[in-house]
Structure formats: structure tokens, C-alpha cells
């Protein structure tokens, strides 16, 4: 289990439970923070983009781990529940265009700002929640070059990056909806 240093807050019963369970099951817990990188083999790299090692932001969600998964010229950006001060600080880092962006904080409008849209310029924005009312606003903020999909409408959404750079998207309810042959610059 990879966690940020900010996650280790023994005053929170849920945190204590996760860490105790991991210890009981002999699952290693490792700390990770900005600039850490994990090579998974076959050219797959995971880079931690947020948070820094020693800065505690409020609320807890501002300390969410942001992970960029990169393979074959493609990238998927996982943002967790990043919001507020954490999002603001994160957006001060150099922009990183991505193919797929998992919408921060389950598609909340406060966490999915026009600044984030400009920073990431995703081809796909995935909202993992039942926030149908905000989808039109998200489409407007991210623009016509971003396809917005919601798990509320599509069920599970899966992306597969092929070794040749093709990106395939499949949803539980709709099946295959895209198979992009091109590798982006």
C-alpha cells in the first residue's frame, strides 16, 4: 500500500484500521510523495505529482496522491479527492497534457476548474459518481476536445493502453466506445 506521509494520522480511527489491517495481513505500507517514481516493467511508469513530503494541507483531501501512469506515449492522471488548496498548489506545477483524467473529487465543480482543464487538456474526463447535474458544466469547462464520461451513465469505464500506443475505452453498459489508433505528441 502506498500512502502519503499526510495519510499517517493516528487520531483518525479509519487510518488506524487500514494500517493495523495491513500489518496484520503482512501487506507492506510505503510512503510516497511528489517526484517519486515507480517503474512497473515493460515501460510502464507511475509518477507521483502530489503531495510534497512535508507539507500538511487542509482539509485531508487537499493531500490526495496524484498519480500519472505513463506507457507507450500515453498518460492517465489519477487525482483522488484533490481539492481546494491542494488543487491550487498542484496547478502551480508545469502543465501536463494527459489522455485520460480521472475527475478530482468525483466530479465536483469546485475541484474541476477551468484552470485544471487548461493544465491537463485531457482527451477524456472520467467522473466516478452520480453527478449528472454537473456533467454539462464539466463539458463546458473542459471544452469540445474532451469527452466526458460518467460511471453513473456508463457503469465501469476501462481504458487499455496497447504497446503500440493505441488507447481503447470500454464501458460496462455500452461496450467498446473508442479505439484511438494515433499516438499523441
Protein backbone atom coordinates (compact mmCIF):
# COMPACT_ATOMS: atom_id res chain seq x y z
CA UNK A 1 0.00 0.00 0.00
CA UNK A 2 1.40 3.40 -0.98
CA UNK A 3 0.34 6.35 1.16
CA UNK A 4 1.49 9.92 1.58
CA UNK A 5 3.08 11.00 4.87
CA UNK A 6 -0.02 13.13 5.43
CA UNK A 7 -2.18 9.99 5.48
CA UNK A 8 -0.49 8.75 8.67
CA UNK A 9 -2.78 10.44 11.18
CA UNK A 10 -3.22 8.12 14.14
CA UNK A 11 -6.02 10.29 15.52
CA UNK A 12 -8.30 9.05 12.72
CA UNK A 13 -9.79 5.62 13.53
CA UNK A 14 -10.13 4.71 9.84
CA UNK A 15 -6.43 5.35 9.23
CA UNK A 16 -5.51 3.27 12.27
CA UNK A 17 -7.76 0.46 10.98
CA UNK A 18 -6.18 0.46 7.50
CA UNK A 19 -2.65 0.42 8.89
CA UNK A 20 -3.44 -2.21 11.53
CA UNK A 21 -5.11 -4.43 8.93
CA UNK A 22 -2.17 -4.06 6.56
CA UNK A 23 0.22 -5.03 9.34
CA UNK A 24 -1.94 -8.00 10.37
CA UNK A 25 -2.12 -9.22 6.74
CA UNK A 26 1.62 -8.58 6.26
CA UNK A 27 0.97 -6.08 3.48
CA UNK A 28 3.82 -3.56 3.26
CA UNK A 29 2.94 0.11 3.65
CA UNK A 30 5.25 2.52 1.86
CA UNK A 31 5.37 6.29 1.96
CA UNK A 32 5.34 8.16 -1.33
CA UNK A 33 5.30 11.82 -2.33
CA UNK A 34 5.97 14.30 -5.13
CA UNK A 35 8.75 13.25 -7.53
CA UNK A 36 8.66 9.58 -6.53
CA UNK A 37 8.56 7.20 -9.46
CA UNK A 38 7.75 3.54 -9.77
CA UNK A 39 8.73 1.51 -12.83
CA UNK A 40 6.36 -1.41 -13.26
CA UNK A 41 8.22 -3.09 -16.12
CA UNK A 42 7.63 -3.14 -19.86
CA UNK A 43 7.95 0.65 -19.95
CA UNK A 44 5.11 1.40 -17.53
CA UNK A 45 5.97 4.27 -15.20
CA UNK A 46 3.96 5.72 -12.32
CA UNK A 47 4.98 9.19 -11.19
CA UNK A 48 3.72 10.87 -8.03
CA UNK A 49 2.87 14.50 -8.78
CA UNK A 50 1.34 15.50 -5.42
CA UNK A 51 1.65 15.97 -2.42
CA UNK A 52 5.07 17.10 -1.27
CA UNK A 53 6.72 15.13 1.53
CA UNK A 54 6.44 17.58 4.40
CA UNK A 55 3.51 19.92 3.83
CA UNK A 56 0.19 19.29 5.58
CA UNK A 57 -2.76 20.93 3.84
CA UNK A 58 -6.34 21.20 4.99
CA UNK A 59 -8.75 19.51 4.51
CA UNK A 60 -7.39 15.96 4.17
CA UNK A 61 -8.49 15.78 0.52
CA UNK A 62 -6.01 18.52 -0.35
CA UNK A 63 -3.27 15.96 0.41
CA UNK A 64 -4.59 13.36 -2.04
CA UNK A 65 -1.97 11.47 -4.02
CA UNK A 66 -1.96 12.48 -7.68
CA UNK A 67 -0.51 9.75 -9.86
CA UNK A 68 0.46 9.87 -13.52
CA UNK A 69 0.54 6.45 -15.18
CA UNK A 70 2.55 6.57 -18.40
CA UNK A 71 3.01 3.96 -21.10
CA UNK A 72 3.66 3.92 -24.85
CA UNK A 73 3.39 7.70 -25.16
CA UNK A 74 0.08 7.84 -23.28
CA UNK A 75 -0.81 9.04 -19.80
CA UNK A 76 -3.62 8.55 -17.34
CA UNK A 77 -3.86 11.03 -14.48
CA UNK A 78 -5.44 9.81 -11.22
CA UNK A 79 -6.28 12.69 -8.91
CA UNK A 80 -8.05 11.11 -5.95
CA UNK A 81 -10.11 13.62 -3.99
CA UNK A 82 -7.77 16.54 -4.69
CA UNK A 83 -9.45 19.87 -3.97
CA UNK A 84 -9.04 23.38 -2.58
CA UNK A 85 -5.54 24.40 -1.50
CA UNK A 86 -4.07 21.10 -2.72
CA UNK A 87 -5.51 21.63 -6.20
CA UNK A 88 -4.31 25.24 -6.26
CA UNK A 89 -0.76 24.24 -5.33
CA UNK A 90 -0.79 21.28 -7.70
CA UNK A 91 -1.73 23.55 -10.62
CA UNK A 92 1.43 25.61 -9.99
CA UNK A 93 3.48 22.69 -11.32
CA UNK A 94 4.26 22.57 -15.05
CA UNK A 95 1.20 21.62 -17.14
CA UNK A 96 0.97 18.01 -18.20
CA UNK A 97 -1.37 17.13 -21.03
CA UNK A 98 -2.93 13.73 -20.44
CA UNK A 99 -5.04 11.30 -22.39
CA UNK A 100 -7.34 10.37 -19.52
CA UNK A 101 -8.11 12.40 -16.40
CA UNK A 102 -9.98 10.81 -13.53
CA UNK A 103 -12.03 13.76 -12.37
CA UNK A 104 -10.93 15.01 -8.94
CA UNK A 105 -13.33 14.62 -6.06
CA UNK A 106 -15.84 12.59 -8.06
CA UNK A 107 -16.66 15.37 -10.50
CA UNK A 108 -17.35 18.14 -8.00
CA UNK A 109 -17.42 21.51 -9.74
CA UNK A 110 -15.16 23.05 -7.09
CA UNK A 111 -12.38 20.56 -7.88
CA UNK A 112 -12.85 20.53 -11.67
CA UNK A 113 -11.93 24.09 -12.51
CA UNK A 114 -11.17 25.71 -15.85
CA UNK A 115 -7.57 26.03 -14.58
CA UNK A 116 -7.39 22.24 -14.24
CA UNK A 117 -8.90 21.83 -17.71
CA UNK A 118 -6.22 24.10 -19.19
CA UNK A 119 -3.46 22.43 -17.16
CA UNK A 120 -4.28 18.83 -18.16
CA UNK A 121 -6.05 19.27 -21.54
CA UNK A 122 -7.37 15.70 -21.36
CA UNK A 123 -8.90 13.80 -24.26
CA UNK A 124 -11.15 12.04 -21.76
CA UNK A 125 -12.57 13.14 -18.40
CA UNK A 126 -13.97 10.32 -16.28
CA UNK A 127 -16.43 11.15 -13.50
CA UNK A 128 -16.75 8.35 -10.97
CA UNK A 129 -20.01 9.38 -9.32
CA UNK A 130 -23.66 10.11 -9.87
CA UNK A 131 -23.24 13.82 -10.63
CA UNK A 132 -25.38 14.00 -13.76
CA UNK A 133 -26.38 17.59 -12.99
CA UNK A 134 -22.77 18.79 -13.26
CA UNK A 135 -21.86 16.96 -16.49
CA UNK A 136 -22.99 19.81 -18.75
CA UNK A 137 -20.89 22.27 -16.75
CA UNK A 138 -17.88 19.94 -16.89
CA UNK A 139 -18.29 19.58 -20.66
CA UNK A 140 -18.32 23.36 -20.94
CA UNK A 141 -15.26 23.81 -18.70
CA UNK A 142 -13.17 21.14 -20.41
CA UNK A 143 -14.28 22.05 -23.94
CA UNK A 144 -15.18 20.18 -27.11
CA UNK A 145 -11.87 18.30 -27.35
CA UNK A 146 -12.58 16.42 -24.11
CA UNK A 147 -15.02 13.51 -24.00
CA UNK A 148 -16.75 13.44 -20.60
CA UNK A 149 -17.97 10.04 -19.38
CA UNK A 150 -19.72 9.24 -16.11
CA UNK A 151 -19.89 5.91 -14.33
CA UNK A 152 -23.48 6.82 -13.43
CA UNK A 153 -24.40 6.61 -17.12
CA UNK A 154 -21.86 4.09 -18.42
CA UNK A 155 -21.11 1.81 -15.48
CA UNK A 156 -17.48 0.75 -15.11
CA UNK A 157 -15.16 2.53 -17.55
CA UNK A 158 -11.94 0.82 -18.61
CA UNK A 159 -9.02 2.18 -20.62
CA UNK A 160 -6.35 -0.02 -22.13
CA UNK A 161 -3.09 1.33 -23.48
CA UNK A 162 -1.60 -1.01 -26.07
CA UNK A 163 2.16 -1.35 -26.59
CA UNK A 164 1.86 0.47 -29.94
CA UNK A 165 0.21 3.48 -28.26
CA UNK A 166 -3.39 2.72 -29.18
CA UNK A 167 -5.85 3.71 -26.48
CA UNK A 168 -9.04 1.71 -26.14
CA UNK A 169 -12.04 2.65 -24.00
CA UNK A 170 -14.76 0.24 -22.98
CA UNK A 171 -17.73 0.79 -20.71
CA UNK A 172 -19.83 -1.77 -18.90
CA UNK A 173 -23.12 -0.56 -20.37
CA UNK A 174 -22.02 0.49 -23.86
CA UNK A 175 -19.13 -1.84 -24.65
CA UNK A 176 -16.27 -0.52 -26.77
CA UNK A 177 -16.74 3.18 -27.48
CA UNK A 178 -13.31 4.18 -28.76
CA UNK A 179 -10.16 2.69 -30.16
CA UNK A 180 -7.75 5.53 -30.88
CA UNK A 181 -5.09 4.45 -33.38
CA UNK A 182 -2.91 7.53 -33.06
CA UNK A 183 -0.18 8.26 -30.56
CA UNK A 184 -0.41 11.85 -29.36
CA UNK A 185 2.54 14.18 -29.36
